[in-house]
Amino acid sequence: MKRVDSQHWPAPKKLFRRWQKRKNKLLDNLPALLERCRATGRAELVHELRVALRRLRFYLRLGWPLLGREDVTRFLGWARRISRASGPIRDLDVALEWLQGRCHAEEVIERILEKRAKAWQRFAALLKVPGKALLDRLQKNKNTAKARNKLAKRYKKIESRIRSDVCGDATVFFKLNEEQQHRVRRLLRRWRYQREIGLQRRNAREDKLLSALIELQEATGARQNLILVEHALKCFRNLPYVNDLCRALAVEQALATDRIRAAFRALSPFCPKGA
């Protein structure tokens, strides 16, 4: 398949402005998002919080030379704890979403809701802002020509490494274990964030590489969600109608696998030669 020259190195000033604007917007919105999540516990807010923390972790890692290392390290540690603690809640929410409206799923849904309620009590206690002073300091960063050039250099280095790693894993993705596949999904998210911040918003919809990355990220995420549902159903093997649910799940998993293969093929023109 023909290779596409998809390297896109934004000018340091433009990259800096986009990085700073998006970082600071997420930091501004974080306290209110934490409060809404803690107050309601709604599945969509848990998911929104997880996405916001992923993006923040990416922006802070990318720009840490322009920020205080100690502040970045402190925030990243807090964010990882929240993300990990929210994992069991999100896993149950994914299973509940898949089960909604399916025949004979009422008892399974009821039991999963009971598990979620118990898990939520533990998680809600952690949803506290890491400190207004820390968030304020993270909004302030160096803004000199040297700092902007350093950010651009890191952008290029990280993007090239991620591109090489993802493309290298493409041909063996289905031979990887679950944890290794999760690593590929993390890299895909970071590559997507890299591409987004390198583009003007008005050009993002027409960018073929970004479209390929979004499709592959969503395809691998959809398959992972089905794996989470499979894990949840294993706890209910003694129920007579669970086999019907498992058969429906298997059909969707096969379709999800085909979707991932097609998405990797669509990404291949953007991969380095020999990857």
Protein backbone atom coordinates (compact mmCIF):
# COMPACT_ATOMS: atom_id res chain seq x y z
CA MET A 1 0.00 0.00 0.00
CA LYS A 2 1.23 3.47 -0.88
CA ARG A 3 2.83 5.36 1.98
CA VAL A 4 1.54 8.84 2.83
CA ASP A 5 3.73 11.70 3.98
CA SER A 6 1.76 12.58 7.11
CA GLN A 7 4.39 14.32 9.21
CA HIS A 8 2.98 17.57 10.51
CA TRP A 9 5.21 19.79 12.58
CA PRO A 10 3.36 22.92 13.74
CA ALA A 11 5.33 26.13 14.27
CA PRO A 12 6.54 26.41 17.89
CA LYS A 13 4.38 29.48 18.62
CA LYS A 14 1.21 27.83 17.32
CA LEU A 15 1.90 24.59 19.12
CA PHE A 16 2.58 26.49 22.34
CA ARG A 17 -0.66 28.47 22.13
CA ARG A 18 -2.75 25.35 21.52
CA TRP A 19 -1.01 23.41 24.28
CA GLN A 20 -1.38 26.21 26.81
CA LYS A 21 -5.01 26.96 25.93
CA ARG A 22 -6.17 23.33 26.10
CA LYS A 23 -4.18 22.56 29.24
CA ASN A 24 -5.52 25.57 31.10
CA LYS A 25 -9.11 24.98 30.00
CA LEU A 26 -9.01 21.45 31.41
CA LEU A 27 -7.46 22.68 34.65
CA ASP A 28 -10.13 25.39 34.93
CA ASN A 29 -12.95 22.90 34.44
CA LEU A 30 -11.55 20.16 36.68
CA PRO A 31 -12.95 21.28 40.09
CA ALA A 32 -16.50 21.61 38.75
CA LEU A 33 -16.25 18.27 36.94
CA LEU A 34 -15.05 16.55 40.10
CA GLU A 35 -17.95 18.06 42.07
CA ARG A 36 -20.59 17.06 39.51
CA CYS A 37 -19.18 13.55 39.36
CA ARG A 38 -19.13 13.18 43.14
CA ALA A 39 -22.63 14.64 43.54
CA THR A 40 -24.38 12.45 40.97
CA GLY A 41 -22.18 9.45 40.21
CA ARG A 42 -23.57 9.31 36.68
CA ALA A 43 -21.78 7.00 34.27
CA GLU A 44 -21.28 9.71 31.64
CA LEU A 45 -19.60 11.98 34.20
CA VAL A 46 -17.25 9.23 35.36
CA HIS A 47 -16.29 8.70 31.73
CA GLU A 48 -15.89 12.45 31.13
CA LEU A 49 -13.62 12.72 34.18
CA ARG A 50 -11.46 9.82 32.99
CA VAL A 51 -11.06 11.40 29.53
CA ALA A 52 -10.23 14.80 31.03
CA LEU A 53 -7.55 13.27 33.24
CA ARG A 54 -6.04 11.36 30.32
CA ARG A 55 -5.76 14.52 28.29
CA LEU A 56 -4.35 16.48 31.21
CA ARG A 57 -1.74 13.83 31.89
CA PHE A 58 -0.72 13.97 28.24
CA TYR A 59 -0.48 17.79 28.14
CA LEU A 60 1.52 17.92 31.37
CA ARG A 61 3.95 15.20 30.27
CA LEU A 62 4.42 16.93 26.93
CA GLY A 63 5.12 20.30 28.52
CA TRP A 64 6.76 19.42 31.81
CA PRO A 65 10.02 21.30 30.98
CA LEU A 66 7.92 24.48 30.89
CA LEU A 67 6.32 23.69 34.25
CA GLY A 68 7.60 22.80 37.70
CA ARG A 69 8.73 19.16 37.76
CA GLU A 70 7.55 18.76 41.35
CA ASP A 71 4.08 20.13 40.57
CA VAL A 72 3.72 17.95 37.49
CA THR A 73 4.82 14.85 39.41
CA ARG A 74 2.39 15.61 42.23
CA PHE A 75 -0.56 16.12 39.87
CA LEU A 76 0.24 13.05 37.78
CA GLY A 77 0.35 10.91 40.92
CA TRP A 78 -3.05 12.22 42.03
CA ALA A 79 -4.56 11.79 38.55
CA ARG A 80 -3.31 8.20 38.24
CA ARG A 81 -4.86 7.32 41.60
CA ILE A 82 -8.22 8.74 40.54
CA SER A 83 -8.10 7.02 37.15
CA ARG A 84 -7.18 3.64 38.62
CA ALA A 85 -9.82 3.91 41.35
CA SER A 86 -12.46 4.79 38.76
CA GLY A 87 -11.60 1.74 36.63
CA PRO A 88 -13.92 -0.75 38.41
CA ILE A 89 -16.79 1.78 38.23
CA ARG A 90 -16.26 2.32 34.51
CA ASP A 91 -16.03 -1.44 33.88
CA LEU A 92 -19.41 -1.99 35.55
CA ASP A 93 -20.92 0.95 33.66
CA VAL A 94 -19.76 -0.56 30.35
CA ALA A 95 -21.42 -3.87 31.24
CA LEU A 96 -24.63 -2.12 32.30
CA GLU A 97 -24.78 -0.14 29.07
CA TRP A 98 -24.43 -3.31 26.98
CA LEU A 99 -27.07 -5.17 29.00
CA GLN A 100 -29.72 -2.47 28.86
CA GLY A 101 -32.75 -3.58 26.85
CA ARG A 102 -31.58 -7.17 26.31
CA CYS A 103 -33.92 -10.04 27.00
CA HIS A 104 -33.53 -11.82 30.36
CA ALA A 105 -30.86 -9.37 31.54
CA GLU A 106 -32.85 -7.87 34.43
CA GLU A 107 -31.36 -10.02 37.20
CA VAL A 108 -27.81 -9.54 35.95
CA ILE A 109 -28.37 -5.76 35.77
CA GLU A 110 -29.75 -5.72 39.32
CA ARG A 111 -26.74 -7.55 40.72
CA ILE A 112 -24.26 -5.37 38.83
CA LEU A 113 -26.01 -2.25 40.12
CA GLU A 114 -25.54 -3.55 43.67
CA LYS A 115 -21.81 -4.04 43.02
CA ARG A 116 -21.55 -0.57 41.51
CA ALA A 117 -23.23 1.06 44.51
CA LYS A 118 -20.68 -0.48 46.86
CA ALA A 119 -17.75 0.43 44.58
CA TRP A 120 -19.06 3.98 44.20
CA GLN A 121 -19.03 4.64 47.95
CA ARG A 122 -15.30 3.89 48.03
CA PHE A 123 -14.54 5.91 44.92
CA ALA A 124 -16.62 9.01 45.77
CA ALA A 125 -14.51 9.63 48.87
CA LEU A 126 -11.45 10.19 46.65
CA LEU A 127 -13.05 12.85 44.44
CA LYS A 128 -11.40 15.89 45.94
CA VAL A 129 -9.55 18.67 44.14
CA PRO A 130 -5.78 18.14 44.50
CA GLY A 131 -5.35 21.74 45.67
CA LYS A 132 -6.26 25.10 44.16
CA ALA A 133 -2.71 26.38 44.58
CA LEU A 134 -1.36 23.42 42.61
CA LEU A 135 -3.87 23.93 39.79
CA ASP A 136 -3.02 27.64 39.69
CA ARG A 137 0.71 26.93 39.43
CA LEU A 138 0.14 24.42 36.61
CA GLN A 139 -1.64 27.13 34.61
CA LYS A 140 1.52 29.23 34.73
CA ASN A 141 4.35 28.14 32.47
CA LYS A 142 7.45 29.50 30.81
CA ASN A 143 6.73 31.51 27.67
CA THR A 144 9.99 32.27 25.96
CA ALA A 145 11.31 31.40 22.52
CA LYS A 146 13.59 28.82 24.12
CA ALA A 147 10.68 27.23 26.00
CA ARG A 148 8.48 27.15 22.89
CA ASN A 149 11.24 25.52 20.87
CA LYS A 150 11.77 22.95 23.60
CA LEU A 151 8.06 22.08 23.52
CA ALA A 152 8.16 21.69 19.73
CA LYS A 153 11.22 19.46 19.95
CA ARG A 154 9.52 17.21 22.52
CA TYR A 155 6.40 17.11 20.35
CA LYS A 156 8.37 15.79 17.37
CA LYS A 157 10.32 13.27 19.45
CA ILE A 158 7.23 11.85 21.17
CA GLU A 159 5.17 11.69 17.98
CA SER A 160 7.89 9.83 16.08
CA ARG A 161 8.33 7.31 18.91
CA ILE A 162 4.59 6.66 19.26
CA ARG A 163 4.15 6.29 15.50
CA SER A 164 6.92 3.72 15.35
CA ASP A 165 5.60 1.75 18.35
CA VAL A 166 1.96 1.61 17.17
CA CYS A 167 2.84 0.69 13.61
CA GLY A 168 5.24 -1.97 14.86
CA ASP A 169 2.46 -3.58 16.93
CA ALA A 170 -0.13 -3.43 14.14
CA THR A 171 0.66 -6.81 12.57
CA VAL A 172 0.75 -8.67 15.89
CA PHE A 173 -2.06 -6.91 17.76
CA PHE A 174 -4.27 -9.98 18.11
CA LYS A 175 -1.34 -12.09 19.31
CA LEU A 176 -0.77 -9.72 22.23
CA ASN A 177 -2.21 -10.41 25.65
CA GLU A 178 -4.83 -8.13 27.19
CA GLU A 179 -2.33 -5.91 29.01
CA GLN A 180 -0.18 -5.52 25.88
CA GLN A 181 -3.24 -4.59 23.83
CA HIS A 182 -4.13 -2.03 26.49
CA ARG A 183 -0.66 -0.51 26.03
CA VAL A 184 -1.34 -0.16 22.29
CA ARG A 185 -4.64 1.59 23.04
CA ARG A 186 -2.86 4.02 25.36
CA LEU A 187 -0.34 4.80 22.62
CA LEU A 188 -3.16 5.33 20.12
CA ARG A 189 -4.80 7.85 22.43
CA ARG A 190 -1.54 9.74 22.81
CA TRP A 191 -0.90 9.72 19.06
CA ARG A 192 -4.42 11.09 18.55
CA TYR A 193 -3.84 13.83 21.13
CA GLN A 194 -0.52 14.63 19.43
CA ARG A 195 -2.20 14.94 16.05
CA GLU A 196 -5.05 17.05 17.40
CA ILE A 197 -2.79 19.58 19.07
CA GLY A 198 -0.69 19.80 15.91
CA LEU A 199 -3.66 20.81 13.77
CA GLN A 200 -5.88 23.86 13.61
CA ARG A 201 -9.39 22.88 14.68
CA ARG A 202 -10.87 23.82 11.31
CA ASN A 203 -8.48 21.39 9.59
CA ALA A 204 -8.96 18.50 11.98
CA ARG A 205 -12.09 17.03 10.36
CA GLU A 206 -10.39 16.75 6.97
CA ASP A 207 -7.15 15.26 8.27
CA LYS A 208 -6.93 11.67 7.06
CA LEU A 209 -4.41 10.55 9.66
CA LEU A 210 -6.50 11.92 12.53
CA SER A 211 -9.59 10.21 11.10
CA ALA A 212 -7.70 6.91 10.90
CA LEU A 213 -6.46 7.27 14.49
CA ILE A 214 -9.93 8.08 15.84
CA GLU A 215 -11.45 5.09 14.06
CA LEU A 216 -8.75 2.73 15.32
CA GLN A 217 -8.97 4.09 18.86
CA GLU A 218 -12.75 3.70 18.86
CA ALA A 219 -12.58 0.24 17.30
CA THR A 220 -10.08 -1.10 19.83
CA GLY A 221 -12.01 0.59 22.64
CA ALA A 222 -15.28 -1.01 21.52
CA ARG A 223 -13.67 -4.44 21.49
CA GLN A 224 -12.19 -3.87 24.95
CA ASN A 225 -15.63 -2.91 26.23
CA LEU A 226 -16.98 -6.23 24.96
CA ILE A 227 -14.17 -8.02 26.80
CA LEU A 228 -15.22 -6.21 29.98
CA VAL A 229 -18.80 -7.37 29.44
CA GLU A 230 -17.51 -10.93 28.99
CA HIS A 231 -15.65 -10.72 32.31
CA ALA A 232 -18.80 -9.41 34.02
CA LEU A 233 -20.97 -12.22 32.64
CA LYS A 234 -18.58 -14.90 33.90
CA CYS A 235 -19.83 -14.14 37.42
CA PHE A 236 -23.32 -15.22 36.39
CA ARG A 237 -22.66 -18.50 34.57
CA ASN A 238 -25.10 -20.28 36.90
CA LEU A 239 -28.05 -18.31 35.54
CA PRO A 240 -29.85 -20.25 32.77
CA TYR A 241 -30.21 -17.35 30.31
CA VAL A 242 -26.62 -16.09 30.48
CA ASN A 243 -25.59 -18.43 27.64
CA ASP A 244 -27.91 -16.49 25.31
CA LEU A 245 -26.24 -13.25 26.32
CA CYS A 246 -22.80 -14.79 25.76
CA ARG A 247 -23.76 -15.91 22.25
CA ALA A 248 -24.92 -12.40 21.37
CA LEU A 249 -21.69 -11.04 22.81
CA ALA A 250 -19.58 -13.42 20.72
CA VAL A 251 -21.21 -12.19 17.51
CA GLU A 252 -20.40 -8.58 18.42
CA GLN A 253 -16.83 -9.50 19.33
CA ALA A 254 -16.28 -11.04 15.91
CA LEU A 255 -17.57 -7.89 14.22
CA ALA A 256 -15.38 -5.75 16.46
CA THR A 257 -12.32 -7.79 15.48
CA ASP A 258 -13.06 -7.25 11.79
CA ARG A 259 -13.46 -3.52 12.43
CA ILE A 260 -10.03 -3.34 14.08
CA ARG A 261 -8.36 -5.16 11.20
CA ALA A 262 -9.92 -2.71 8.73
CA ALA A 263 -8.83 0.23 10.89
CA PHE A 264 -5.24 -0.98 11.01
CA ARG A 265 -5.27 -1.30 7.22
CA ALA A 266 -6.49 2.29 6.95
CA LEU A 267 -3.64 3.43 9.20
CA SER A 268 -0.91 1.53 7.35
CA PRO A 269 -0.24 4.23 4.69
CA PHE A 270 0.82 6.56 7.50
CA CYS A 271 3.33 4.13 9.01
CA PRO A 272 7.09 4.28 8.47
CA LYS A 273 8.48 1.98 5.81
CA GLY A 274 9.29 -1.43 7.22
CA ALA A 275 6.93 -1.07 10.21
